[in-house]
Amino acid sequence: MDGTNRANIKAGTRVMIVQKQDQRTGKLTEGIVQDILTNSPIHPRGIKVRLSSGLVGRVQQILEN
């Protein structure tokens, strides 16, 4: 599943995000969603979230639990 649809993402979901500083390289970081920061239902570059580790980025992939 991709991370452009807000309805697919909930607190506790395991995801792969790209952080702002990693957008050029495309380096992904895995984590658990703590907060959803994007208000709109769909975002073409990915829904912005805060992970439980405190990192912020846009969801690129939703991982199966």
PDB file of N, CA and C in Angstrom:
ATOM      1  N   MET A   1       0.841  -1.192   0.000  1.00  0.00           N
ATOM      2  CA  MET A   1       0.000   0.000   0.000  1.00  0.00           C
ATOM      3  C   MET A   1       0.882   1.250   0.000  1.00  0.00           C
ATOM      4  N   ASP A   2       0.418   2.273  -0.698  1.00  0.00           N
ATOM      5  CA  ASP A   2       1.212   3.507  -0.711  1.00  0.00           C
ATOM      6  C   ASP A   2       0.685   4.479   0.342  1.00  0.00           C
ATOM      7  N   GLY A   3       1.471   5.495   0.629  1.00  0.00           N
ATOM      8  CA  GLY A   3       1.165   6.395   1.733  1.00  0.00           C
ATOM      9  C   GLY A   3       0.543   7.709   1.335  1.00  0.00           C
ATOM     10  N   THR A   4      -0.153   7.757   0.172  1.00  0.00           N
ATOM     11  CA  THR A   4      -0.742   9.022  -0.260  1.00  0.00           C
ATOM     12  C   THR A   4      -2.173   9.209   0.235  1.00  0.00           C
ATOM     13  N   ASN A   5      -2.785   8.158   0.776  1.00  0.00           N
ATOM     14  CA  ASN A   5      -4.174   8.222   1.245  1.00  0.00           C
ATOM     15  C   ASN A   5      -4.194   8.192   2.778  1.00  0.00           C
ATOM     16  N   ARG A   6      -4.718   9.262   3.376  1.00  0.00           N
ATOM     17  CA  ARG A   6      -4.716   9.412   4.843  1.00  0.00           C
ATOM     18  C   ARG A   6      -5.531   8.315   5.534  1.00  0.00           C
ATOM     19  N   ALA A   7      -6.579   7.812   4.864  1.00  0.00           N
ATOM     20  CA  ALA A   7      -7.456   6.796   5.459  1.00  0.00           C
ATOM     21  C   ALA A   7      -6.715   5.481   5.714  1.00  0.00           C
ATOM     22  N   ASN A   8      -5.611   5.237   5.003  1.00  0.00           N
ATOM     23  CA  ASN A   8      -4.845   3.993   5.154  1.00  0.00           C
ATOM     24  C   ASN A   8      -3.895   4.026   6.346  1.00  0.00           C
ATOM     25  N   ILE A   9      -3.714   5.201   6.959  1.00  0.00           N
ATOM     26  CA  ILE A   9      -2.690   5.373   7.994  1.00  0.00           C
ATOM     27  C   ILE A   9      -3.349   5.698   9.325  1.00  0.00           C
ATOM     28  N   LYS A  10      -2.963   4.973  10.352  1.00  0.00           N
ATOM     29  CA  LYS A  10      -3.483   5.212  11.700  1.00  0.00           C
ATOM     30  C   LYS A  10      -2.317   5.151  12.684  1.00  0.00           C
ATOM     31  N   ALA A  11      -2.497   5.695  13.867  1.00  0.00           N
ATOM     32  CA  ALA A  11      -1.475   5.590  14.911  1.00  0.00           C
ATOM     33  C   ALA A  11      -1.224   4.101  15.169  1.00  0.00           C
ATOM     34  N   GLY A  12       0.046   3.731  15.251  1.00  0.00           N
ATOM     35  CA  GLY A  12       0.415   2.340  15.477  1.00  0.00           C
ATOM     36  C   GLY A  12       0.738   1.578  14.204  1.00  0.00           C
ATOM     37  N   THR A  13       0.526   2.186  13.032  1.00  0.00           N
ATOM     38  CA  THR A  13       0.825   1.538  11.757  1.00  0.00           C
ATOM     39  C   THR A  13       2.328   1.550  11.510  1.00  0.00           C
ATOM     40  N   ARG A  14       2.867   0.431  11.015  1.00  0.00           N
ATOM     41  CA  ARG A  14       4.287   0.350  10.679  1.00  0.00           C
ATOM     42  C   ARG A  14       4.478   0.848   9.247  1.00  0.00           C
ATOM     43  N   VAL A  15       5.357   1.844   9.065  1.00  0.00           N
ATOM     44  CA  VAL A  15       5.516   2.498   7.769  1.00  0.00           C
ATOM     45  C   VAL A  15       6.994   2.736   7.445  1.00  0.00           C
ATOM     46  N   MET A  16       7.240   3.049   6.177  1.00  0.00           N
ATOM     47  CA  MET A  16       8.538   3.528   5.711  1.00  0.00           C
ATOM     48  C   MET A  16       8.334   4.983   5.297  1.00  0.00           C
ATOM     49  N   ILE A  17       9.136   5.901   5.877  1.00  0.00           N
ATOM     50  CA  ILE A  17       9.019   7.321   5.541  1.00  0.00           C
ATOM     51  C   ILE A  17      10.301   7.816   4.883  1.00  0.00           C
ATOM     52  N   VAL A  18      10.167   8.919   4.159  1.00  0.00           N
ATOM     53  CA  VAL A  18      11.340   9.643   3.678  1.00  0.00           C
ATOM     54  C   VAL A  18      11.357  10.972   4.430  1.00  0.00           C
ATOM     55  N   GLN A  19      12.495  11.256   5.088  1.00  0.00           N
ATOM     56  CA  GLN A  19      12.649  12.514   5.816  1.00  0.00           C
ATOM     57  C   GLN A  19      13.023  13.616   4.840  1.00  0.00           C
ATOM     58  N   LYS A  20      12.790  14.858   5.227  1.00  0.00           N
ATOM     59  CA  LYS A  20      13.050  16.014   4.366  1.00  0.00           C
ATOM     60  C   LYS A  20      14.475  15.990   3.807  1.00  0.00           C
ATOM     61  N   GLN A  21      15.457  15.738   4.666  1.00  0.00           N
ATOM     62  CA  GLN A  21      16.852  15.774   4.222  1.00  0.00           C
ATOM     63  C   GLN A  21      17.212  14.582   3.337  1.00  0.00           C
ATOM     64  N   ASP A  22      16.361  13.551   3.293  1.00  0.00           N
ATOM     65  CA  ASP A  22      16.641  12.354   2.488  1.00  0.00           C
ATOM     66  C   ASP A  22      15.841  12.308   1.195  1.00  0.00           C
ATOM     67  N   GLN A  23      15.097  13.375   0.881  1.00  0.00           N
ATOM     68  CA  GLN A  23      14.241  13.341  -0.308  1.00  0.00           C
ATOM     69  C   GLN A  23      15.048  13.188  -1.595  1.00  0.00           C
ATOM     70  N   ARG A  24      16.227  13.786  -1.667  1.00  0.00           N
ATOM     71  CA  ARG A  24      17.053  13.661  -2.878  1.00  0.00           C
ATOM     72  C   ARG A  24      17.554  12.250  -3.085  1.00  0.00           C
ATOM     73  N   THR A  25      17.978  11.606  -2.002  1.00  0.00           N
ATOM     74  CA  THR A  25      18.542  10.258  -2.118  1.00  0.00           C
ATOM     75  C   THR A  25      17.454   9.192  -2.097  1.00  0.00           C
ATOM     76  N   GLY A  26      16.306   9.491  -1.511  1.00  0.00           N
ATOM     77  CA  GLY A  26      15.233   8.512  -1.414  1.00  0.00           C
ATOM     78  C   GLY A  26      15.428   7.515  -0.289  1.00  0.00           C
ATOM     79  N   LYS A  27      16.345   7.809   0.643  1.00  0.00           N
ATOM     80  CA  LYS A  27      16.599   6.916   1.779  1.00  0.00           C
ATOM     81  C   LYS A  27      15.351   6.820   2.654  1.00  0.00           C
ATOM     82  N   LEU A  28      14.924   5.586   2.937  1.00  0.00           N
ATOM     83  CA  LEU A  28      13.714   5.362   3.728  1.00  0.00           C
ATOM     84  C   LEU A  28      14.054   4.980   5.153  1.00  0.00           C
ATOM     85  N   THR A  29      13.184   5.375   6.077  1.00  0.00           N
ATOM     86  CA  THR A  29      13.336   5.073   7.494  1.00  0.00           C
ATOM     87  C   THR A  29      12.077   4.355   7.956  1.00  0.00           C
ATOM     88  N   GLU A  30      12.256   3.238   8.664  1.00  0.00           N
ATOM     89  CA  GLU A  30      11.113   2.467   9.151  1.00  0.00           C
ATOM     90  C   GLU A  30      10.734   2.915  10.554  1.00  0.00           C
ATOM     91  N   GLY A  31       9.432   2.892  10.848  1.00  0.00           N
ATOM     92  CA  GLY A  31       8.988   3.246  12.188  1.00  0.00           C
ATOM     93  C   GLY A  31       7.497   3.040  12.375  1.00  0.00           C
ATOM     94  N   ILE A  32       7.043   3.360  13.571  1.00  0.00           N
ATOM     95  CA  ILE A  32       5.633   3.238  13.945  1.00  0.00           C
ATOM     96  C   ILE A  32       5.031   4.643  14.031  1.00  0.00           C
ATOM     97  N   VAL A  33       3.877   4.849  13.381  1.00  0.00           N
ATOM     98  CA  VAL A  33       3.214   6.158  13.367  1.00  0.00           C
ATOM     99  C   VAL A  33       2.723   6.510  14.763  1.00  0.00           C
ATOM    100  N   GLN A  34       3.086   7.721  15.212  1.00  0.00           N
ATOM    101  CA  GLN A  34       2.574   8.256  16.470  1.00  0.00           C
ATOM    102  C   GLN A  34       1.479   9.286  16.191  1.00  0.00           C
ATOM    103  N   ASP A  35       1.768  10.250  15.285  1.00  0.00           N
ATOM    104  CA  ASP A  35       0.814  11.310  14.940  1.00  0.00           C
ATOM    105  C   ASP A  35       0.764  11.472  13.427  1.00  0.00           C
ATOM    106  N   ILE A  36      -0.421  11.819  12.913  1.00  0.00           N
ATOM    107  CA  ILE A  36      -0.573  12.176  11.502  1.00  0.00           C
ATOM    108  C   ILE A  36      -0.594  13.699  11.429  1.00  0.00           C
ATOM    109  N   LEU A  37       0.313  14.272  10.639  1.00  0.00           N
ATOM    110  CA  LEU A  37       0.464  15.726  10.598  1.00  0.00           C
ATOM    111  C   LEU A  37      -0.247  16.367   9.404  1.00  0.00           C
ATOM    112  N   THR A  38      -0.556  15.600   8.354  1.00  0.00           N
ATOM    113  CA  THR A  38      -1.257  16.129   7.182  1.00  0.00           C
ATOM    114  C   THR A  38      -2.754  16.083   7.426  1.00  0.00           C
ATOM    115  N   ASN A  39      -3.432  17.200   7.179  1.00  0.00           N
ATOM    116  CA  ASN A  39      -4.879  17.264   7.393  1.00  0.00           C
ATOM    117  C   ASN A  39      -5.686  16.808   6.180  1.00  0.00           C
ATOM    118  N   SER A  40      -5.156  17.016   4.970  1.00  0.00           N
ATOM    119  CA  SER A  40      -5.925  16.673   3.771  1.00  0.00           C
ATOM    120  C   SER A  40      -6.034  15.154   3.605  1.00  0.00           C
ATOM    121  N   PRO A  41      -7.121  14.666   2.987  1.00  0.00           N
ATOM    122  CA  PRO A  41      -7.327  13.217   2.859  1.00  0.00           C
ATOM    123  C   PRO A  41      -6.333  12.532   1.930  1.00  0.00           C
ATOM    124  N   ILE A  42      -5.808  13.276   0.927  1.00  0.00           N
ATOM    125  CA  ILE A  42      -4.834  12.705  -0.013  1.00  0.00           C
ATOM    126  C   ILE A  42      -3.728  13.726  -0.236  1.00  0.00           C
ATOM    127  N   HIS A  43      -2.482  13.243  -0.283  1.00  0.00           N
ATOM    128  CA  HIS A  43      -1.345  14.116  -0.598  1.00  0.00           C
ATOM    129  C   HIS A  43      -0.457  13.381  -1.592  1.00  0.00           C
ATOM    130  N   PRO A  44      -0.166  13.988  -2.750  1.00  0.00           N
ATOM    131  CA  PRO A  44       0.570  13.268  -3.805  1.00  0.00           C
ATOM    132  C   PRO A  44       1.986  12.832  -3.423  1.00  0.00           C
ATOM    133  N   ARG A  45       2.644  13.529  -2.508  1.00  0.00           N
ATOM    134  CA  ARG A  45       4.014  13.148  -2.113  1.00  0.00           C
ATOM    135  C   ARG A  45       4.039  12.273  -0.868  1.00  0.00           C
ATOM    136  N   GLY A  46       2.874  11.991  -0.300  1.00  0.00           N
ATOM    137  CA  GLY A  46       2.813  11.147   0.894  1.00  0.00           C
ATOM    138  C   GLY A  46       2.305  11.921   2.092  1.00  0.00           C
ATOM    139  N   ILE A  47       1.585  11.235   2.955  1.00  0.00           N
ATOM    140  CA  ILE A  47       1.038  11.838   4.168  1.00  0.00           C
ATOM    141  C   ILE A  47       2.171  12.050   5.164  1.00  0.00           C
ATOM    142  N   LYS A  48       2.248  13.256   5.728  1.00  0.00           N
ATOM    143  CA  LYS A  48       3.317  13.566   6.687  1.00  0.00           C
ATOM    144  C   LYS A  48       2.927  13.034   8.061  1.00  0.00           C
ATOM    145  N   VAL A  49       3.860  12.313   8.695  1.00  0.00           N
ATOM    146  CA  VAL A  49       3.606  11.710  10.007  1.00  0.00           C
ATOM    147  C   VAL A  49       4.796  11.937  10.933  1.00  0.00           C
ATOM    148  N   ARG A  50       4.539  11.790  12.238  1.00  0.00           N
ATOM    149  CA  ARG A  50       5.605  11.746  13.240  1.00  0.00           C
ATOM    150  C   ARG A  50       5.658  10.322  13.748  1.00  0.00           C
ATOM    151  N   LEU A  51       6.850   9.742  13.732  1.00  0.00           N
ATOM    152  CA  LEU A  51       7.031   8.381  14.229  1.00  0.00           C
ATOM    153  C   LEU A  51       7.191   8.390  15.747  1.00  0.00           C
ATOM    154  N   SER A  52       7.070   7.215  16.357  1.00  0.00           N
ATOM    155  CA  SER A  52       7.236   7.102  17.802  1.00  0.00           C
ATOM    156  C   SER A  52       8.649   7.486  18.237  1.00  0.00           C
ATOM    157  N   SER A  53       9.608   7.428  17.306  1.00  0.00           N
ATOM    158  CA  SER A  53      10.982   7.831  17.607  1.00  0.00           C
ATOM    159  C   SER A  53      11.165   9.346  17.553  1.00  0.00           C
ATOM    160  N   GLY A  54      10.131  10.072  17.108  1.00  0.00           N
ATOM    161  CA  GLY A  54      10.206  11.527  17.028  1.00  0.00           C
ATOM    162  C   GLY A  54      10.556  12.040  15.645  1.00  0.00           C
ATOM    163  N   LEU A  55      10.936  11.149  14.724  1.00  0.00           N
ATOM    164  CA  LEU A  55      11.280  11.565  13.364  1.00  0.00           C
ATOM    165  C   LEU A  55      10.019  11.936  12.595  1.00  0.00           C
ATOM    166  N   VAL A  56      10.152  12.922  11.682  1.00  0.00           N
ATOM    167  CA  VAL A  56       9.025  13.377  10.876  1.00  0.00           C
ATOM    168  C   VAL A  56       9.362  13.156   9.412  1.00  0.00           C
ATOM    169  N   GLY A  57       8.390  12.661   8.650  1.00  0.00           N
ATOM    170  CA  GLY A  57       8.601  12.467   7.224  1.00  0.00           C
ATOM    171  C   GLY A  57       7.306  12.086   6.535  1.00  0.00           C
ATOM    172  N   ARG A  58       7.406  11.877   5.220  1.00  0.00           N
ATOM    173  CA  ARG A  58       6.244  11.514   4.412  1.00  0.00           C
ATOM    174  C   ARG A  58       6.229  10.013   4.166  1.00  0.00           C
ATOM    175  N   VAL A  59       5.051   9.412   4.336  1.00  0.00           N
ATOM    176  CA  VAL A  59       4.907   7.961   4.190  1.00  0.00           C
ATOM    177  C   VAL A  59       5.086   7.571   2.724  1.00  0.00           C
ATOM    178  N   GLN A  60       6.007   6.640   2.480  1.00  0.00           N
ATOM    179  CA  GLN A  60       6.238   6.105   1.141  1.00  0.00           C
ATOM    180  C   GLN A  60       5.632   4.710   0.999  1.00  0.00           C
ATOM    181  N   GLN A  61       5.658   3.938   2.080  1.00  0.00           N
ATOM    182  CA  GLN A  61       5.106   2.588   2.059  1.00  0.00           C
ATOM    183  C   GLN A  61       4.453   2.291   3.398  1.00  0.00           C
ATOM    184  N   ILE A  62       3.371   1.518   3.327  1.00  0.00           N
ATOM    185  CA  ILE A  62       2.731   1.015   4.537  1.00  0.00           C
ATOM    186  C   ILE A  62       3.083  -0.461   4.625  1.00  0.00           C
ATOM    187  N   LEU A  63       3.683  -0.878   5.731  1.00  0.00           N
ATOM    188  CA  LEU A  63       4.131  -2.253   5.897  1.00  0.00           C
ATOM    189  C   LEU A  63       3.056  -3.085   6.582  1.00  0.00           C
ATOM    190  N   GLU A  64       2.976  -4.355   6.205  1.00  0.00           N
ATOM    191  CA  GLU A  64       2.031  -5.261   6.847  1.00  0.00           C
ATOM    192  C   GLU A  64       2.534  -5.594   8.227  1.00  0.00           C
ATOM    193  N   ASN A  65       1.659  -5.579   9.218  1.00  0.00           N
ATOM    194  CA  ASN A  65       2.057  -5.876  10.607  1.00  0.00           C
ATOM    195  C   ASN A  65       2.201  -7.364  10.829  1.00  0.00           C
TER     196      ASN A  65
END
